[in-house]
Amino acid sequence: MLYTLFFSRLHDLGDAGTAEYQKRVGALKALAEAEHPGFLGMKSYVAEDGERLTVVRFRDAESQRAWRLDPSHREAQVRGRTHYYERFHIVVCEERHAHEFTRASEEG
């Protein structure tokens, strides 16, 4: 599995700009889910100081590359640089080891 860690800080967008940004992110996620089977999901987090972290999971490097080159995603990247982001930093990581724990439900 491959992870893209997208650290970012938004420009001061105002309410309308924030709504536009959120709508675009939702549309891109829907596109990735519908058109890119190697896309496994994404979650975003916002720190108290406003820094954002979006974790995007892909099955493999080819799946991530296909998404990176998707024309709608490329257009959104340009829009992000020109309108939405104050700054961003991208880190791509390969999963080397994973461990999982799930508590069993307590049915009585």
N, C-alpha and C. Protein backbone atom coordinates (compact mmCIF):
# COMPACT_ATOMS: atom_id res chain seq x y z
N MET A 1 0.85 -1.18 0.00
CA MET A 1 0.00 0.00 0.00
C MET A 1 0.89 1.23 0.00
N LEU A 2 0.41 2.27 -0.66
CA LEU A 2 1.13 3.54 -0.75
C LEU A 2 0.26 4.62 -0.12
N TYR A 3 0.90 5.50 0.61
CA TYR A 3 0.21 6.63 1.26
C TYR A 3 0.76 7.94 0.71
N THR A 4 -0.13 8.85 0.42
CA THR A 4 0.27 10.21 0.13
C THR A 4 -0.16 11.05 1.32
N LEU A 5 0.80 11.70 1.95
CA LEU A 5 0.52 12.60 3.08
C LEU A 5 0.60 14.02 2.54
N PHE A 6 -0.53 14.71 2.59
CA PHE A 6 -0.63 16.05 2.03
C PHE A 6 -0.81 17.04 3.18
N PHE A 7 0.29 17.69 3.56
CA PHE A 7 0.29 18.71 4.60
C PHE A 7 0.01 20.05 3.94
N SER A 8 -0.93 20.82 4.46
CA SER A 8 -1.25 22.08 3.79
C SER A 8 -1.77 23.11 4.78
N ARG A 9 -1.74 24.33 4.30
CA ARG A 9 -2.35 25.45 5.02
C ARG A 9 -3.12 26.24 3.98
N LEU A 10 -4.41 26.46 4.25
CA LEU A 10 -5.25 27.19 3.31
C LEU A 10 -4.99 28.68 3.38
N HIS A 11 -5.16 29.33 2.26
CA HIS A 11 -5.24 30.78 2.17
C HIS A 11 -6.47 31.23 2.96
N ASP A 12 -6.57 32.48 3.32
CA ASP A 12 -7.80 33.00 3.93
C ASP A 12 -8.84 33.06 2.83
N LEU A 13 -9.73 32.06 2.77
CA LEU A 13 -10.67 31.92 1.67
C LEU A 13 -12.01 32.59 1.90
N GLY A 14 -12.33 32.90 3.16
CA GLY A 14 -13.67 33.40 3.45
C GLY A 14 -14.67 32.26 3.36
N ASP A 15 -15.90 32.53 3.71
CA ASP A 15 -16.92 31.47 3.73
C ASP A 15 -17.20 30.90 2.35
N ALA A 16 -17.35 31.76 1.36
CA ALA A 16 -17.66 31.29 0.01
C ALA A 16 -16.50 30.46 -0.57
N GLY A 17 -15.27 30.93 -0.35
CA GLY A 17 -14.11 30.20 -0.85
C GLY A 17 -13.94 28.86 -0.16
N THR A 18 -14.20 28.82 1.14
CA THR A 18 -14.11 27.57 1.88
C THR A 18 -15.15 26.58 1.39
N ALA A 19 -16.36 27.06 1.14
CA ALA A 19 -17.43 26.20 0.62
C ALA A 19 -17.05 25.66 -0.76
N GLU A 20 -16.48 26.51 -1.61
CA GLU A 20 -16.04 26.08 -2.94
C GLU A 20 -14.95 25.02 -2.82
N TYR A 21 -14.00 25.25 -1.93
CA TYR A 21 -12.91 24.29 -1.71
C TYR A 21 -13.46 22.94 -1.26
N GLN A 22 -14.35 22.95 -0.29
CA GLN A 22 -14.91 21.70 0.24
C GLN A 22 -15.71 20.96 -0.84
N LYS A 23 -16.44 21.70 -1.66
CA LYS A 23 -17.19 21.09 -2.75
C LYS A 23 -16.24 20.42 -3.75
N ARG A 24 -15.16 21.10 -4.08
CA ARG A 24 -14.18 20.55 -5.03
C ARG A 24 -13.52 19.30 -4.46
N VAL A 25 -13.17 19.33 -3.18
CA VAL A 25 -12.55 18.15 -2.55
C VAL A 25 -13.52 16.97 -2.60
N GLY A 26 -14.79 17.21 -2.29
CA GLY A 26 -15.79 16.15 -2.35
C GLY A 26 -15.95 15.57 -3.74
N ALA A 27 -15.95 16.45 -4.75
CA ALA A 27 -16.08 16.00 -6.13
C ALA A 27 -14.86 15.18 -6.55
N LEU A 28 -13.68 15.59 -6.13
CA LEU A 28 -12.46 14.85 -6.48
C LEU A 28 -12.44 13.48 -5.81
N LYS A 29 -12.89 13.43 -4.57
CA LYS A 29 -12.94 12.14 -3.87
C LYS A 29 -13.92 11.21 -4.58
N ALA A 30 -15.08 11.73 -4.97
CA ALA A 30 -16.06 10.92 -5.69
C ALA A 30 -15.50 10.42 -7.01
N LEU A 31 -14.77 11.28 -7.72
CA LEU A 31 -14.13 10.89 -8.98
C LEU A 31 -13.11 9.78 -8.74
N ALA A 32 -12.28 9.94 -7.74
CA ALA A 32 -11.26 8.93 -7.44
C ALA A 32 -11.92 7.59 -7.12
N GLU A 33 -12.98 7.62 -6.32
CA GLU A 33 -13.68 6.38 -5.96
C GLU A 33 -14.31 5.71 -7.18
N ALA A 34 -14.85 6.50 -8.10
CA ALA A 34 -15.56 5.97 -9.26
C ALA A 34 -14.63 5.52 -10.39
N GLU A 35 -13.54 6.24 -10.60
CA GLU A 35 -12.71 6.02 -11.79
C GLU A 35 -11.34 5.40 -11.53
N HIS A 36 -10.94 5.31 -10.28
CA HIS A 36 -9.59 4.82 -9.97
C HIS A 36 -9.68 3.69 -8.94
N PRO A 37 -9.77 2.44 -9.41
CA PRO A 37 -9.94 1.32 -8.48
C PRO A 37 -8.80 1.14 -7.49
N GLY A 38 -7.62 1.66 -7.79
CA GLY A 38 -6.50 1.57 -6.85
C GLY A 38 -6.54 2.60 -5.74
N PHE A 39 -7.48 3.53 -5.82
CA PHE A 39 -7.69 4.52 -4.75
C PHE A 39 -8.44 3.81 -3.64
N LEU A 40 -7.87 3.82 -2.44
CA LEU A 40 -8.46 3.08 -1.31
C LEU A 40 -9.11 3.97 -0.27
N GLY A 41 -8.98 5.27 -0.41
CA GLY A 41 -9.66 6.17 0.53
C GLY A 41 -8.78 7.31 0.98
N MET A 42 -9.44 8.26 1.64
CA MET A 42 -8.72 9.41 2.18
C MET A 42 -9.43 9.94 3.40
N LYS A 43 -8.65 10.51 4.29
CA LYS A 43 -9.17 11.17 5.49
C LYS A 43 -8.37 12.44 5.70
N SER A 44 -9.06 13.47 6.18
CA SER A 44 -8.40 14.75 6.43
C SER A 44 -8.55 15.16 7.88
N TYR A 45 -7.55 15.84 8.38
CA TYR A 45 -7.50 16.31 9.76
C TYR A 45 -7.03 17.75 9.77
N VAL A 46 -7.54 18.53 10.71
CA VAL A 46 -7.12 19.93 10.83
C VAL A 46 -6.64 20.16 12.26
N ALA A 47 -5.42 20.66 12.40
CA ALA A 47 -4.84 20.96 13.71
C ALA A 47 -5.40 22.28 14.24
N GLU A 48 -5.21 22.51 15.52
CA GLU A 48 -5.69 23.74 16.15
C GLU A 48 -5.10 24.99 15.50
N ASP A 49 -3.88 24.88 14.99
CA ASP A 49 -3.24 26.04 14.37
C ASP A 49 -3.61 26.22 12.90
N GLY A 50 -4.49 25.37 12.38
CA GLY A 50 -4.96 25.49 11.01
C GLY A 50 -4.24 24.62 10.00
N GLU A 51 -3.12 23.99 10.41
CA GLU A 51 -2.45 23.10 9.47
C GLU A 51 -3.35 21.90 9.21
N ARG A 52 -3.37 21.46 7.96
CA ARG A 52 -4.22 20.35 7.54
C ARG A 52 -3.34 19.17 7.16
N LEU A 53 -3.86 17.97 7.37
CA LEU A 53 -3.20 16.75 6.91
C LEU A 53 -4.25 15.88 6.25
N THR A 54 -4.02 15.55 5.00
CA THR A 54 -4.88 14.61 4.29
C THR A 54 -4.05 13.38 4.00
N VAL A 55 -4.57 12.22 4.40
CA VAL A 55 -3.91 10.94 4.19
C VAL A 55 -4.70 10.23 3.08
N VAL A 56 -4.02 9.96 1.96
CA VAL A 56 -4.65 9.30 0.82
C VAL A 56 -3.99 7.94 0.64
N ARG A 57 -4.81 6.89 0.55
CA ARG A 57 -4.28 5.53 0.42
C ARG A 57 -4.50 5.00 -1.00
N PHE A 58 -3.46 4.37 -1.54
CA PHE A 58 -3.52 3.74 -2.85
C PHE A 58 -3.03 2.30 -2.76
N ARG A 59 -3.53 1.48 -3.63
CA ARG A 59 -3.14 0.07 -3.66
C ARG A 59 -1.65 -0.08 -3.98
N ASP A 60 -1.16 0.74 -4.93
CA ASP A 60 0.23 0.61 -5.37
C ASP A 60 0.67 1.90 -6.07
N ALA A 61 1.93 1.93 -6.49
CA ALA A 61 2.50 3.13 -7.10
C ALA A 61 1.82 3.48 -8.42
N GLU A 62 1.44 2.48 -9.20
CA GLU A 62 0.77 2.75 -10.47
C GLU A 62 -0.60 3.40 -10.24
N SER A 63 -1.31 2.97 -9.23
CA SER A 63 -2.61 3.57 -8.89
C SER A 63 -2.44 5.03 -8.48
N GLN A 64 -1.41 5.29 -7.69
CA GLN A 64 -1.16 6.65 -7.27
C GLN A 64 -0.75 7.52 -8.46
N ARG A 65 0.06 6.98 -9.34
CA ARG A 65 0.49 7.71 -10.53
C ARG A 65 -0.71 8.04 -11.42
N ALA A 66 -1.61 7.08 -11.61
CA ALA A 66 -2.80 7.32 -12.44
C ALA A 66 -3.64 8.46 -11.86
N TRP A 67 -3.77 8.50 -10.55
CA TRP A 67 -4.53 9.59 -9.92
C TRP A 67 -3.79 10.92 -10.07
N ARG A 68 -2.49 10.90 -9.86
CA ARG A 68 -1.70 12.12 -9.98
C ARG A 68 -1.84 12.73 -11.37
N LEU A 69 -1.98 11.89 -12.39
CA LEU A 69 -2.05 12.36 -13.77
C LEU A 69 -3.48 12.55 -14.29
N ASP A 70 -4.47 12.23 -13.49
CA ASP A 70 -5.86 12.40 -13.92
C ASP A 70 -6.12 13.86 -14.30
N PRO A 71 -6.71 14.13 -15.47
CA PRO A 71 -6.90 15.51 -15.93
C PRO A 71 -7.69 16.39 -14.95
N SER A 72 -8.72 15.87 -14.33
CA SER A 72 -9.49 16.66 -13.36
C SER A 72 -8.66 16.96 -12.11
N HIS A 73 -7.85 15.99 -11.71
CA HIS A 73 -6.98 16.20 -10.56
C HIS A 73 -5.90 17.22 -10.89
N ARG A 74 -5.35 17.15 -12.11
CA ARG A 74 -4.33 18.12 -12.54
C ARG A 74 -4.91 19.54 -12.53
N GLU A 75 -6.14 19.68 -13.01
CA GLU A 75 -6.81 20.98 -13.00
C GLU A 75 -6.99 21.48 -11.56
N ALA A 76 -7.37 20.58 -10.66
CA ALA A 76 -7.54 20.95 -9.26
C ALA A 76 -6.20 21.36 -8.62
N GLN A 77 -5.11 20.72 -9.04
CA GLN A 77 -3.80 21.08 -8.52
C GLN A 77 -3.46 22.53 -8.88
N VAL A 78 -3.75 22.91 -10.11
CA VAL A 78 -3.50 24.29 -10.53
C VAL A 78 -4.36 25.24 -9.71
N ARG A 79 -5.63 24.92 -9.57
CA ARG A 79 -6.55 25.76 -8.79
C ARG A 79 -6.06 25.86 -7.33
N GLY A 80 -5.56 24.77 -6.79
CA GLY A 80 -5.05 24.79 -5.43
C GLY A 80 -3.89 25.75 -5.26
N ARG A 81 -2.95 25.71 -6.21
CA ARG A 81 -1.79 26.59 -6.12
C ARG A 81 -2.17 28.06 -6.33
N THR A 82 -3.14 28.33 -7.20
CA THR A 82 -3.49 29.72 -7.51
C THR A 82 -4.52 30.32 -6.57
N HIS A 83 -5.35 29.48 -5.91
CA HIS A 83 -6.45 30.03 -5.12
C HIS A 83 -6.54 29.54 -3.68
N TYR A 84 -6.30 28.27 -3.43
CA TYR A 84 -6.66 27.70 -2.13
C TYR A 84 -5.53 27.68 -1.10
N TYR A 85 -4.34 27.32 -1.51
CA TYR A 85 -3.29 27.01 -0.53
C TYR A 85 -2.31 28.16 -0.31
N GLU A 86 -2.02 28.36 0.96
CA GLU A 86 -0.92 29.25 1.36
C GLU A 86 0.39 28.51 1.12
N ARG A 87 0.38 27.22 1.48
CA ARG A 87 1.54 26.35 1.26
C ARG A 87 1.08 24.91 1.36
N PHE A 88 1.89 24.01 0.82
CA PHE A 88 1.65 22.58 1.02
C PHE A 88 2.96 21.81 0.87
N HIS A 89 2.96 20.61 1.40
CA HIS A 89 4.11 19.71 1.37
C HIS A 89 3.56 18.30 1.20
N ILE A 90 4.08 17.55 0.25
CA ILE A 90 3.58 16.21 -0.03
C ILE A 90 4.68 15.19 0.27
N VAL A 91 4.30 14.13 0.98
CA VAL A 91 5.21 13.03 1.29
C VAL A 91 4.53 11.75 0.83
N VAL A 92 5.25 10.91 0.09
CA VAL A 92 4.73 9.62 -0.34
C VAL A 92 5.47 8.54 0.43
N CYS A 93 4.71 7.63 1.03
CA CYS A 93 5.28 6.59 1.88
C CYS A 93 4.77 5.22 1.44
N GLU A 94 5.65 4.24 1.51
CA GLU A 94 5.26 2.86 1.22
C GLU A 94 5.08 2.12 2.54
N GLU A 95 4.00 1.36 2.63
CA GLU A 95 3.75 0.59 3.86
C GLU A 95 4.74 -0.57 3.92
N ARG A 96 5.48 -0.60 5.01
CA ARG A 96 6.47 -1.67 5.18
C ARG A 96 6.00 -2.72 6.17
N HIS A 97 5.20 -2.30 7.11
CA HIS A 97 4.68 -3.21 8.12
C HIS A 97 3.39 -2.62 8.65
N ALA A 98 2.45 -3.46 8.99
CA ALA A 98 1.19 -2.99 9.57
C ALA A 98 0.74 -3.98 10.64
N HIS A 99 0.10 -3.47 11.64
CA HIS A 99 -0.47 -4.28 12.72
C HIS A 99 -1.81 -3.67 13.06
N GLU A 100 -2.79 -4.49 13.34
CA GLU A 100 -4.12 -3.97 13.61
C GLU A 100 -4.72 -4.66 14.82
N PHE A 101 -5.51 -3.94 15.57
CA PHE A 101 -6.23 -4.47 16.72
C PHE A 101 -7.66 -3.97 16.64
N THR A 102 -8.63 -4.83 16.85
CA THR A 102 -10.03 -4.45 16.93
C THR A 102 -10.64 -5.14 18.14
N ARG A 103 -11.17 -4.35 19.05
CA ARG A 103 -11.80 -4.91 20.24
C ARG A 103 -13.07 -5.64 19.84
N ALA A 104 -13.25 -6.83 20.36
CA ALA A 104 -14.46 -7.60 20.09
C ALA A 104 -15.65 -6.91 20.75
N SER A 105 -16.79 -6.95 20.08
CA SER A 105 -17.98 -6.34 20.68
C SER A 105 -18.45 -7.15 21.87
N GLU A 106 -19.01 -6.47 22.83
CA GLU A 106 -19.49 -7.13 24.04
C GLU A 106 -21.00 -7.28 23.95
N GLU A 107 -21.42 -8.42 23.44
CA GLU A 107 -22.85 -8.68 23.33
C GLU A 107 -23.27 -9.50 24.54
N GLY A 108 -24.36 -9.10 25.13
CA GLY A 108 -24.71 -9.76 26.37
C GLY A 108 -26.01 -10.38 26.34
